[in-house]
C-alpha cells in the first residue's frame, strides 16, 4: 500500500472511555483491487476536557 493515496483527509477523533478520552487517527486507502482497508494510529489517552473547554 506504500504510495497509495488517502481515500479521505486525515482526521483526529477522541472517544470518551470512562474518566479519560482515547484518541486515534483513522485513515483509509484504496488498494489496486478497489478495496478500502481501514487503518489507524493510536493517539493515546488524555484527561476529559472541562465543560467550558469542550466547545
Protein backbone atom coordinates (compact mmCIF):
# COMPACT_ATOMS: atom_id res chain seq x y z
CA UNK A 1 0.00 0.00 0.00
CA UNK A 2 3.02 2.23 0.07
CA UNK A 3 2.34 5.31 -2.04
CA UNK A 4 -1.42 4.69 -2.23
CA UNK A 5 -3.44 7.91 -1.93
CA UNK A 6 -5.62 8.52 1.12
CA UNK A 7 -9.31 7.97 0.42
CA UNK A 8 -10.28 10.86 2.76
CA UNK A 9 -8.23 13.52 4.55
CA UNK A 10 -6.68 12.58 7.91
CA UNK A 11 -8.67 13.45 11.00
CA UNK A 12 -8.15 13.10 14.72
CA UNK A 13 -11.01 11.61 16.77
CA UNK A 14 -11.44 11.26 20.53
CA UNK A 15 -13.85 8.93 22.33
CA UNK A 16 -14.84 9.09 25.98
CA UNK A 17 -13.82 5.92 27.80
CA UNK A 18 -14.74 6.37 31.45
CA UNK A 19 -12.70 9.14 33.09
CA UNK A 20 -10.46 9.74 30.06
CA UNK A 21 -10.66 10.15 26.30
CA UNK A 22 -8.92 7.77 23.90
CA UNK A 23 -7.72 9.20 20.61
CA UNK A 24 -7.00 7.78 17.21
CA UNK A 25 -6.21 8.93 13.70
CA UNK A 26 -8.13 6.63 11.33
CA UNK A 27 -7.45 6.56 7.61
CA UNK A 28 -8.39 4.56 4.54
CA UNK A 29 -6.50 3.93 1.35
CA UNK A 30 -7.85 2.39 -1.82
CA UNK A 31 -5.86 -0.64 -2.92
CA UNK A 32 -5.45 -1.66 -6.59
CA UNK A 33 -8.44 -4.04 -6.29
CA UNK A 34 -10.71 -1.19 -5.16
CA UNK A 35 -10.93 -2.33 -1.52
CA UNK A 36 -10.80 0.31 1.22
CA UNK A 37 -8.93 -1.13 4.22
CA UNK A 38 -9.09 0.99 7.36
CA UNK A 39 -6.01 1.61 9.47
CA UNK A 40 -5.50 3.80 12.50
CA UNK A 41 -2.80 5.34 14.62
CA UNK A 42 -3.41 5.43 18.36
CA UNK A 43 -3.02 8.86 19.95
CA UNK A 44 -3.18 7.50 23.50
CA UNK A 45 -5.34 8.89 26.27
CA UNK A 46 -5.98 12.34 27.67
CA UNK A 47 -7.98 13.70 30.61
CA UNK A 48 -11.55 14.70 29.91
CA UNK A 49 -11.86 18.33 28.85
CA UNK A 50 -13.57 20.69 31.28
CA UNK A 51 -17.15 21.54 30.16
CA UNK A 52 -16.17 25.10 29.12
CA UNK A 53 -13.24 23.74 27.02
CA UNK A 54 -15.26 21.08 25.16
CA UNK A 55 -16.73 23.67 22.81
